[in-house]
């Protein structure tokens, strides 16, 4: 596998998912915020975990309130489920790319200072 093949596999699939779901600007920002504050898999402090949980809760509360005002509870809950599934697809794609770069690192193709490995 090469970087190009990883991009060719993941980017079109993710673009298709995004176009299918067609998130609004607010939804896209909520997804970015939720992704940013998903720090459970990192070594971090209890304070950072607490902050992350608080910010994720705030994001979800605001998104829920927005849906309650605009499309109602039932459709809003469905929309949140769809967005969370999209977020999981992003995480899956990141895991795939990260795993591939770890293999590159083990094979000596990329060293520990590689910017891609640090991302």
Foldseek 3Di string as FASTA:
>chain_A
DDPVVLCVPQVVVLVVLCVVLVDDPLLVVLLVLLLVLPCPVDDDDPVSVVVSVVSNVVSVVVQQVVCCVPPRNVVSVVSVVSSVVSSVSVVVSVVVQQVVVVVCCVVVVDDPPDPSNVD
